[in-house]
Amino acid sequence: MYETLFAQYAAFTGNTPLLEMRFSYQQIEYRIFAKDERYNYSGSIKDRVALHILLHGYEQGLLNKDDVIIEATSGNMGIAFSAFGTLLGHRVMIYMPDWMSRERISLMESYGAEVKLVSREEGGFLGCIALTEEKGKQPGYFLPRQFSNPQNTRTHYLTTGPEIERQLGTLGLTSDAVVAGVGTGGTIMGIGTYLREKNQNCKVHPLEPLNSPTLSTGFKIGAHRIQGISDDFIPEILKLKEIDAVVSVDDSDALGMARKLASKLGLGVGISA
């Protein structure tokens, strides 16, 4: 039964457009390609991962039809689990830091999820994870564990990476480099691993906020305004020794570029993009 449902729902994710932008730097013209993940079911790349992890849970007998899906998140992954969990008939509980945007909270609640907010005094993001782990010890709960689940990385190795290679291939191109902001690390690890297998010279760069360089320092430091990346720790599935140098971007530069893309190209993206 679930196989049929997931086969149908798979049509709601993936096979998204690849947008080309050109710019000149020091009199050299460059081409940048951006994967437009707005076309996924709930509007982000996290839909790919949520659906894959839920399918894997059913296949392995880890997730049953009456189980509650419970996850710690700072944004889009929680939205994705809320949407697909509800679609599959599951109750969904989301734990997230209380400083995330009201819009994100309201969106999850509109999908039927129960959102539990955790303050800095209660442990912040690490507190969210601890609370889900404690709750998950009880029967009847399914924990996706997005920050440590290898299926997160595998999703992008199986879908996003091959899509990018195929789309560039129609233009006679291969990837010189790939960069992605790090929340869980699954996106950069999965896509990067796949593209590097196809072109060993492809550079793979994780991105973090300059204002809170957790990846570069090895511990949480500073504060930033780019929601959804650079949480309070380095995720388990992010293997920094296997990829290239970390790219750091100042909050103000991210905001400025988002505004420029909107005003110059009519392309509305978030600042993590």
Protein backbone atom coordinates (compact mmCIF):
# COMPACT_ATOMS: atom_id res chain seq x y z
CA MET A 1 0.00 0.00 0.00
CA TYR A 2 2.66 2.52 1.03
CA GLU A 3 4.68 1.74 -2.10
CA THR A 4 1.86 3.05 -4.29
CA LEU A 5 1.47 6.20 -2.19
CA PHE A 6 5.17 7.01 -2.26
CA ALA A 7 5.35 6.37 -6.00
CA GLN A 8 2.58 8.93 -6.46
CA TYR A 9 4.12 11.45 -4.06
CA ALA A 10 7.53 11.14 -5.73
CA ALA A 11 6.04 13.06 -8.64
CA PHE A 12 5.72 16.05 -6.29
CA THR A 13 9.47 16.36 -5.77
CA GLY A 14 12.58 16.65 -7.88
CA ASN A 15 13.19 17.32 -11.57
CA THR A 16 13.38 21.03 -10.82
CA PRO A 17 14.67 23.68 -13.25
CA LEU A 18 18.31 24.73 -13.45
CA LEU A 19 18.58 28.50 -13.83
CA GLU A 20 21.57 30.08 -15.58
CA MET A 21 23.03 33.45 -14.58
CA ARG A 22 26.05 35.14 -16.12
CA PHE A 23 28.30 37.73 -14.57
CA SER A 24 31.69 39.33 -15.19
CA TYR A 25 34.50 39.50 -12.66
CA GLN A 26 37.87 41.06 -13.48
CA GLN A 27 36.85 41.07 -17.16
CA ILE A 28 36.16 37.34 -17.17
CA GLU A 29 32.62 36.09 -17.80
CA TYR A 30 31.33 33.30 -15.58
CA ARG A 31 28.23 31.13 -15.69
CA ILE A 32 26.43 30.18 -12.49
CA PHE A 33 23.65 27.60 -12.43
CA ALA A 34 21.15 27.54 -9.58
CA LYS A 35 18.77 24.67 -8.84
CA ASP A 36 15.28 26.16 -8.47
CA GLU A 37 13.83 24.04 -5.68
CA ARG A 38 10.68 26.12 -5.21
CA TYR A 39 8.84 23.62 -7.40
CA ASN A 40 8.98 20.88 -4.79
CA TYR A 41 5.85 19.94 -2.84
CA SER A 42 6.19 22.38 0.07
CA GLY A 43 8.56 24.72 -1.73
CA SER A 44 12.09 23.68 -0.78
CA ILE A 45 14.85 21.18 -1.43
CA LYS A 46 14.06 19.56 1.93
CA ASP A 47 11.00 17.89 0.40
CA ARG A 48 13.34 15.48 -1.36
CA VAL A 49 14.92 14.41 1.91
CA ALA A 50 11.71 14.23 3.92
CA LEU A 51 10.00 11.96 1.40
CA HIS A 52 13.07 9.73 1.03
CA ILE A 53 13.56 9.34 4.79
CA LEU A 54 9.88 8.53 5.33
CA LEU A 55 9.95 5.94 2.54
CA HIS A 56 13.11 4.40 3.96
CA GLY A 57 11.44 4.31 7.38
CA TYR A 58 8.50 2.35 5.99
CA GLU A 59 10.75 0.01 4.00
CA GLN A 60 12.87 -0.81 7.06
CA GLY A 61 9.92 -1.18 9.41
CA LEU A 62 11.07 1.81 11.45
CA LEU A 63 7.95 3.85 10.68
CA ASN A 64 4.44 2.47 11.06
CA LYS A 65 1.17 4.02 9.98
CA ASP A 66 0.12 5.15 13.47
CA ASP A 67 3.51 6.53 14.54
CA VAL A 68 4.09 10.16 15.41
CA ILE A 69 6.84 11.85 13.36
CA ILE A 70 8.97 14.00 15.66
CA GLU A 71 11.88 16.16 14.53
CA ALA A 72 14.13 19.04 15.59
CA THR A 73 14.47 21.70 12.91
CA SER A 74 15.16 25.35 12.26
CA GLY A 75 12.95 25.64 9.21
CA ASN A 76 12.36 24.00 5.85
CA MET A 77 12.90 20.39 6.91
CA GLY A 78 10.20 20.83 9.53
CA ILE A 79 7.89 22.28 6.90
CA ALA A 80 8.59 19.32 4.61
CA PHE A 81 7.96 16.71 7.31
CA SER A 82 4.81 18.57 8.36
CA ALA A 83 3.46 18.51 4.80
CA PHE A 84 4.35 14.92 3.90
CA GLY A 85 3.61 13.58 7.38
CA THR A 86 0.10 15.00 7.23
CA LEU A 87 -0.34 13.77 3.67
CA LEU A 88 0.53 10.25 4.85
CA GLY A 89 -1.86 10.48 7.79
CA HIS A 90 0.71 10.91 10.56
CA ARG A 91 0.65 13.21 13.54
CA VAL A 92 3.72 15.48 13.36
CA MET A 93 5.54 17.17 16.24
CA ILE A 94 8.23 19.76 15.52
CA TYR A 95 10.72 21.14 18.06
CA MET A 96 12.40 24.36 16.99
CA PRO A 97 14.23 27.34 18.53
CA ASP A 98 11.87 30.13 19.55
CA TRP A 99 13.80 32.76 17.60
CA MET A 100 12.83 31.34 14.21
CA SER A 101 10.42 33.39 12.09
CA ARG A 102 6.71 33.43 12.91
CA GLU A 103 6.05 32.66 9.25
CA ARG A 104 7.79 29.28 9.50
CA ILE A 105 5.95 28.37 12.67
CA SER A 106 2.58 29.34 11.19
CA LEU A 107 3.26 27.37 8.00
CA MET A 108 4.03 24.18 9.92
CA GLU A 109 0.94 24.66 12.06
CA SER A 110 -1.17 25.19 8.94
CA TYR A 111 -0.06 21.73 7.79
CA GLY A 112 -1.34 20.34 11.08
CA ALA A 113 1.98 19.98 12.92
CA GLU A 114 2.32 20.62 16.64
CA VAL A 115 5.19 23.08 17.07
CA LYS A 116 7.11 23.13 20.36
CA LEU A 117 9.32 26.19 20.80
CA VAL A 118 12.56 25.95 22.78
CA SER A 119 14.32 29.00 24.24
CA ARG A 120 18.05 29.59 24.50
CA GLU A 121 17.73 29.04 28.24
CA GLU A 122 16.24 25.61 27.52
CA GLY A 123 19.17 24.70 25.31
CA GLY A 124 18.35 26.27 21.96
CA PHE A 125 18.85 23.98 18.98
CA LEU A 126 20.75 21.34 20.92
CA GLY A 127 17.91 21.44 23.43
CA CYS A 128 15.45 20.72 20.61
CA ILE A 129 17.42 17.64 19.60
CA ALA A 130 17.69 16.43 23.20
CA LEU A 131 13.93 16.78 23.69
CA THR A 132 13.12 14.80 20.54
CA GLU A 133 15.57 12.07 21.51
CA GLU A 134 13.98 11.81 24.95
CA LYS A 135 10.48 11.70 23.49
CA GLY A 136 11.60 9.19 20.89
CA LYS A 137 12.49 6.64 23.55
CA GLN A 138 8.78 5.99 23.91
CA PRO A 139 7.04 3.56 21.54
CA GLY A 140 5.01 5.04 18.71
CA TYR A 141 7.46 7.77 17.69
CA PHE A 142 9.61 8.02 14.56
CA LEU A 143 12.70 10.24 14.61
CA PRO A 144 14.08 11.17 11.15
CA ARG A 145 17.30 12.51 12.79
CA GLN A 146 18.11 14.68 9.79
CA PHE A 147 21.53 15.76 11.12
CA SER A 148 22.87 12.22 11.50
CA ASN A 149 20.78 10.18 9.06
CA PRO A 150 22.87 9.01 6.07
CA GLN A 151 19.67 8.84 4.01
CA ASN A 152 19.75 12.64 3.98
CA THR A 153 23.00 12.62 2.01
CA ARG A 154 21.88 9.66 -0.08
CA THR A 155 18.78 11.54 -1.24
CA HIS A 156 20.92 14.14 -3.00
CA TYR A 157 23.36 11.53 -4.29
CA LEU A 158 20.45 9.68 -5.92
CA THR A 159 18.37 12.62 -7.15
CA THR A 160 19.73 16.18 -7.02
CA GLY A 161 23.26 15.34 -8.16
CA PRO A 162 22.20 13.26 -11.18
CA GLU A 163 19.64 15.91 -12.17
CA ILE A 164 22.32 18.61 -12.19
CA GLU A 165 24.70 16.44 -14.20
CA ARG A 166 21.98 15.63 -16.74
CA GLN A 167 20.84 19.24 -17.09
CA LEU A 168 24.38 20.55 -17.54
CA GLY A 169 25.07 17.71 -19.94
CA THR A 170 22.37 18.93 -22.31
CA LEU A 171 24.45 22.13 -22.59
CA GLY A 172 27.66 20.22 -23.10
CA LEU A 173 28.93 21.21 -19.65
CA THR A 174 30.22 19.58 -16.48
CA SER A 175 30.43 21.10 -13.00
CA ASP A 176 33.59 23.00 -12.10
CA ALA A 177 32.41 23.63 -8.54
CA VAL A 178 29.36 23.29 -6.33
CA VAL A 179 28.49 25.38 -3.28
CA ALA A 180 25.61 25.05 -0.81
CA GLY A 181 24.76 26.51 2.56
CA VAL A 182 25.10 24.00 5.37
CA GLY A 183 22.18 23.21 7.60
CA THR A 184 22.42 19.44 7.94
CA GLY A 185 25.20 19.09 5.37
CA GLY A 186 23.23 16.53 3.38
CA THR A 187 22.87 18.71 0.29
CA ILE A 188 26.54 19.57 -0.19
CA MET A 189 27.74 16.06 0.70
CA GLY A 190 25.29 14.23 -1.55
CA ILE A 191 25.54 16.51 -4.57
CA GLY A 192 29.27 17.03 -4.10
CA THR A 193 30.06 13.33 -3.85
CA TYR A 194 28.07 12.54 -6.98
CA LEU A 195 29.46 15.36 -9.12
CA ARG A 196 33.02 14.65 -8.02
CA GLU A 197 32.61 11.03 -9.10
CA LYS A 198 31.73 12.35 -12.55
CA ASN A 199 34.48 14.98 -12.58
CA GLN A 200 37.30 14.49 -10.09
CA ASN A 201 38.35 18.13 -10.51
CA CYS A 202 35.00 19.47 -9.33
CA LYS A 203 35.40 21.62 -6.20
CA VAL A 204 32.91 21.07 -3.37
CA HIS A 205 32.45 24.04 -1.04
CA PRO A 206 30.21 24.19 2.03
CA LEU A 207 28.94 27.67 2.89
CA GLU A 208 28.42 29.28 6.30
CA PRO A 209 27.65 32.78 7.65
CA LEU A 210 30.79 34.82 8.27
CA ASN A 211 29.04 36.23 11.34
CA SER A 212 28.77 32.76 12.89
CA PRO A 213 31.56 30.56 11.48
CA THR A 214 30.76 27.30 13.25
CA LEU A 215 32.29 25.13 10.52
CA SER A 216 35.55 27.10 10.43
CA THR A 217 36.03 27.30 14.19
CA GLY A 218 34.62 23.92 15.18
CA PHE A 219 32.20 25.35 17.72
CA LYS A 220 29.23 27.71 17.91
CA ILE A 221 30.31 31.33 17.86
CA GLY A 222 28.53 34.60 17.09
CA ALA A 223 25.04 35.18 15.75
CA HIS A 224 23.67 35.55 12.23
CA ARG A 225 20.47 36.30 10.32
CA ILE A 226 20.51 33.52 7.73
CA GLN A 227 17.86 31.16 9.08
CA GLY A 228 18.17 27.47 8.30
CA ILE A 229 21.97 27.18 8.18
CA SER A 230 24.78 27.21 10.74
CA ASP A 231 22.99 25.85 13.76
CA ASP A 232 24.69 25.25 17.11
CA PHE A 233 26.99 22.41 16.03
CA ILE A 234 28.69 20.64 13.12
CA PRO A 235 26.32 17.95 11.79
CA GLU A 236 27.45 14.34 11.91
CA ILE A 237 26.83 13.73 8.20
CA LEU A 238 29.00 16.68 7.16
CA LYS A 239 32.50 15.35 6.41
CA LEU A 240 34.64 18.48 6.13
CA LYS A 241 37.82 16.50 5.47
CA GLU A 242 36.27 15.01 2.34
CA ILE A 243 35.39 18.34 0.69
CA ASP A 244 37.02 21.67 -0.09
CA ALA A 245 37.39 24.96 1.76
CA VAL A 246 34.48 26.51 3.61
CA VAL A 247 33.03 29.64 1.97
CA SER A 248 31.99 32.34 4.45
CA VAL A 249 29.43 35.00 3.51
CA ASP A 250 28.57 38.09 5.55
CA ASP A 251 24.89 38.54 6.44
CA SER A 252 24.78 41.94 4.76
CA ASP A 253 26.25 40.54 1.53
CA ALA A 254 23.65 37.76 1.50
CA LEU A 255 20.85 40.27 2.03
CA GLY A 256 22.26 42.57 -0.63
CA MET A 257 22.55 39.81 -3.21
CA ALA A 258 19.01 38.57 -2.53
CA ARG A 259 17.73 42.09 -3.14
CA LYS A 260 19.83 42.42 -6.30
CA LEU A 261 18.54 39.14 -7.73
CA ALA A 262 15.00 40.34 -7.10
CA SER A 263 15.47 43.84 -8.53
CA LYS A 264 17.65 42.88 -11.52
CA LEU A 265 16.29 39.46 -12.49
CA GLY A 266 12.87 39.33 -10.86
CA LEU A 267 14.12 36.28 -8.99
CA GLY A 268 12.78 36.13 -5.44
CA VAL A 269 15.05 33.98 -3.28
CA GLY A 270 15.87 33.79 0.40
CA ILE A 271 19.17 35.00 1.80
CA SER A 272 20.51 31.46 2.27
CA ALA A 273 20.35 31.09 -1.52
